Amino acid sequence: MTQHFTRSTVSYSFYCPKCGKSTQHRIDNGRKGPCLDCIARLNADYDARPKPEVDQQQNLFPTEAA
C-alpha cells in the first residue's frame, strides 16, 4: 500500500532509482513526487543551455514621416 502524507508535509526521504540512493522527494497532494536532487540537476542543465537568438522584427510602424 502506498503512503499518504498530510497537507503540511513538504518532503520525505525515498529511494530514487535515477540517483541510486535515498534522497528527498517532493510531496504532491499527499503522495510521493519527484526527487529534489533530480529537479535541481534538470534546472541547472536547462539554465546552462545556450539561449536561441531572437531575430528583431523590422520596424513596421516608423514614427518619423518620410
N, C-alpha and C. Protein backbone atom coordinates (compact mmCIF):
# COMPACT_ATOMS: atom_id res chain seq x y z
N MET A 1 0.83 -1.17 0.00
CA MET A 1 0.00 0.00 0.00
C MET A 1 0.89 1.25 0.00
N THR A 2 0.54 2.25 -0.78
CA THR A 2 1.34 3.46 -0.86
C THR A 2 1.12 4.34 0.36
N GLN A 3 2.10 5.19 0.63
CA GLN A 3 1.99 6.09 1.76
C GLN A 3 1.24 7.35 1.37
N HIS A 4 0.49 7.88 2.29
CA HIS A 4 -0.19 9.15 2.11
C HIS A 4 0.29 10.08 3.20
N PHE A 5 0.46 11.35 2.86
CA PHE A 5 1.01 12.33 3.79
C PHE A 5 0.01 13.45 4.01
N THR A 6 0.18 14.17 5.11
CA THR A 6 -0.69 15.30 5.40
C THR A 6 -0.37 16.46 4.46
N ARG A 7 -1.23 17.43 4.42
CA ARG A 7 -1.02 18.59 3.54
C ARG A 7 0.18 19.42 3.96
N SER A 8 0.55 19.36 5.23
CA SER A 8 1.67 20.17 5.72
C SER A 8 3.02 19.54 5.41
N THR A 9 3.06 18.28 4.93
CA THR A 9 4.32 17.62 4.60
C THR A 9 4.87 18.20 3.31
N VAL A 10 6.14 18.62 3.33
CA VAL A 10 6.77 19.23 2.16
C VAL A 10 7.63 18.23 1.42
N SER A 11 8.45 17.47 2.15
CA SER A 11 9.33 16.48 1.52
C SER A 11 9.53 15.30 2.45
N TYR A 12 9.98 14.19 1.85
CA TYR A 12 10.22 12.97 2.61
C TYR A 12 11.31 12.20 1.90
N SER A 13 12.04 11.37 2.63
CA SER A 13 13.15 10.62 2.07
C SER A 13 12.66 9.31 1.45
N PHE A 14 12.95 9.09 0.16
CA PHE A 14 12.64 7.87 -0.57
C PHE A 14 13.86 7.46 -1.37
N TYR A 15 13.87 6.23 -1.85
CA TYR A 15 14.92 5.77 -2.76
C TYR A 15 14.61 6.30 -4.16
N CYS A 16 15.62 6.90 -4.80
CA CYS A 16 15.47 7.41 -6.16
C CYS A 16 16.24 6.50 -7.12
N PRO A 17 15.56 5.85 -8.07
CA PRO A 17 16.27 4.97 -9.00
C PRO A 17 17.23 5.72 -9.93
N LYS A 18 16.95 6.97 -10.25
CA LYS A 18 17.86 7.75 -11.10
C LYS A 18 19.15 8.09 -10.38
N CYS A 19 19.02 8.51 -9.11
CA CYS A 19 20.20 8.87 -8.32
C CYS A 19 20.89 7.64 -7.75
N GLY A 20 20.14 6.57 -7.55
CA GLY A 20 20.70 5.35 -6.99
C GLY A 20 20.91 5.40 -5.50
N LYS A 21 20.21 6.29 -4.81
CA LYS A 21 20.35 6.40 -3.35
C LYS A 21 19.08 7.00 -2.78
N SER A 22 19.02 7.06 -1.47
CA SER A 22 17.88 7.63 -0.79
C SER A 22 18.02 9.16 -0.79
N THR A 23 17.04 9.86 -1.35
CA THR A 23 17.07 11.32 -1.44
C THR A 23 15.72 11.89 -1.02
N GLN A 24 15.67 13.20 -0.84
CA GLN A 24 14.43 13.89 -0.51
C GLN A 24 13.57 13.99 -1.76
N HIS A 25 12.28 13.71 -1.60
CA HIS A 25 11.32 13.83 -2.69
C HIS A 25 10.24 14.81 -2.28
N ARG A 26 9.73 15.54 -3.26
CA ARG A 26 8.64 16.47 -3.02
C ARG A 26 7.36 15.69 -2.77
N ILE A 27 6.48 16.20 -1.94
CA ILE A 27 5.19 15.58 -1.67
C ILE A 27 4.13 16.42 -2.38
N ASP A 28 3.45 15.81 -3.36
CA ASP A 28 2.41 16.47 -4.14
C ASP A 28 1.06 15.88 -3.80
N ASN A 29 0.16 16.70 -3.27
CA ASN A 29 -1.20 16.28 -2.93
C ASN A 29 -1.22 15.03 -2.06
N GLY A 30 -0.31 14.94 -1.10
CA GLY A 30 -0.28 13.83 -0.18
C GLY A 30 0.40 12.58 -0.71
N ARG A 31 1.02 12.65 -1.89
CA ARG A 31 1.70 11.49 -2.46
C ARG A 31 3.12 11.83 -2.88
N LYS A 32 3.93 10.81 -3.08
CA LYS A 32 5.33 10.99 -3.44
C LYS A 32 5.45 11.69 -4.79
N GLY A 33 6.28 12.73 -4.83
CA GLY A 33 6.54 13.46 -6.05
C GLY A 33 7.95 13.20 -6.54
N PRO A 34 8.48 14.06 -7.40
CA PRO A 34 9.82 13.87 -7.96
C PRO A 34 10.94 14.14 -6.95
N CYS A 35 12.10 13.60 -7.25
CA CYS A 35 13.30 13.76 -6.43
C CYS A 35 13.78 15.21 -6.51
N LEU A 36 14.07 15.81 -5.37
CA LEU A 36 14.52 17.21 -5.35
C LEU A 36 15.91 17.38 -5.96
N ASP A 37 16.79 16.38 -5.82
CA ASP A 37 18.12 16.44 -6.44
C ASP A 37 18.00 16.39 -7.96
N CYS A 38 17.11 15.54 -8.48
CA CYS A 38 16.91 15.44 -9.93
C CYS A 38 16.34 16.74 -10.49
N ILE A 39 15.41 17.35 -9.75
CA ILE A 39 14.82 18.63 -10.19
C ILE A 39 15.91 19.70 -10.25
N ALA A 40 16.76 19.76 -9.23
CA ALA A 40 17.84 20.76 -9.21
C ALA A 40 18.80 20.53 -10.36
N ARG A 41 19.13 19.27 -10.65
CA ARG A 41 20.04 18.95 -11.74
C ARG A 41 19.42 19.33 -13.10
N LEU A 42 18.13 19.04 -13.29
CA LEU A 42 17.46 19.40 -14.54
C LEU A 42 17.39 20.91 -14.73
N ASN A 43 17.11 21.64 -13.65
CA ASN A 43 17.06 23.11 -13.74
C ASN A 43 18.43 23.69 -14.06
N ALA A 44 19.49 23.13 -13.49
CA ALA A 44 20.85 23.61 -13.77
C ALA A 44 21.22 23.33 -15.23
N ASP A 45 20.84 22.16 -15.74
CA ASP A 45 21.11 21.84 -17.15
C ASP A 45 20.34 22.77 -18.08
N TYR A 46 19.09 23.08 -17.72
CA TYR A 46 18.28 23.97 -18.54
C TYR A 46 18.87 25.38 -18.56
N ASP A 47 19.30 25.87 -17.41
CA ASP A 47 19.88 27.21 -17.32
C ASP A 47 21.22 27.30 -18.04
N ALA A 48 21.95 26.19 -18.14
CA ALA A 48 23.27 26.20 -18.77
C ALA A 48 23.18 26.13 -20.30
N ARG A 49 22.02 25.73 -20.84
CA ARG A 49 21.88 25.65 -22.29
C ARG A 49 21.96 27.04 -22.91
N PRO A 50 22.56 27.14 -24.11
CA PRO A 50 22.58 28.45 -24.77
C PRO A 50 21.17 28.83 -25.22
N LYS A 51 20.84 30.07 -25.00
CA LYS A 51 19.52 30.57 -25.38
C LYS A 51 19.50 30.87 -26.88
N PRO A 52 18.40 30.54 -27.57
CA PRO A 52 18.34 30.81 -29.01
C PRO A 52 18.30 32.32 -29.28
N GLU A 53 18.93 32.71 -30.37
CA GLU A 53 18.92 34.11 -30.77
C GLU A 53 17.53 34.48 -31.27
N VAL A 54 17.02 35.61 -30.84
CA VAL A 54 15.72 36.09 -31.29
C VAL A 54 15.96 37.17 -32.33
N ASP A 55 15.45 36.95 -33.53
CA ASP A 55 15.61 37.94 -34.60
C ASP A 55 14.71 39.13 -34.32
N GLN A 56 15.27 40.31 -34.51
CA GLN A 56 14.50 41.51 -34.32
C GLN A 56 13.59 41.73 -35.53
N GLN A 57 12.35 42.04 -35.26
CA GLN A 57 11.41 42.29 -36.34
C GLN A 57 11.66 43.69 -36.90
N GLN A 58 11.50 43.83 -38.21
CA GLN A 58 11.71 45.13 -38.84
C GLN A 58 10.70 46.12 -38.28
N ASN A 59 11.07 47.38 -38.35
CA ASN A 59 10.19 48.43 -37.85
C ASN A 59 8.99 48.55 -38.78
N LEU A 60 7.85 48.02 -38.37
CA LEU A 60 6.66 48.02 -39.20
C LEU A 60 5.95 49.35 -39.19
N PHE A 61 6.06 50.09 -38.12
CA PHE A 61 5.37 51.37 -37.98
C PHE A 61 6.36 52.45 -37.64
N PRO A 62 7.03 53.01 -38.64
CA PRO A 62 8.03 54.05 -38.34
C PRO A 62 7.35 55.28 -37.76
N THR A 63 8.03 55.91 -36.82
CA THR A 63 7.46 57.09 -36.17
C THR A 63 7.80 58.37 -36.91
N GLU A 64 8.84 58.34 -37.73
CA GLU A 64 9.21 59.53 -38.48
C GLU A 64 8.51 59.55 -39.84
N ALA A 65 7.98 60.70 -40.19
CA ALA A 65 7.32 60.84 -41.51
C ALA A 65 8.39 61.09 -42.57
N ALA A 66 8.31 60.36 -43.67
CA ALA A 66 9.32 60.49 -44.71
C ALA A 66 9.01 61.58 -45.69
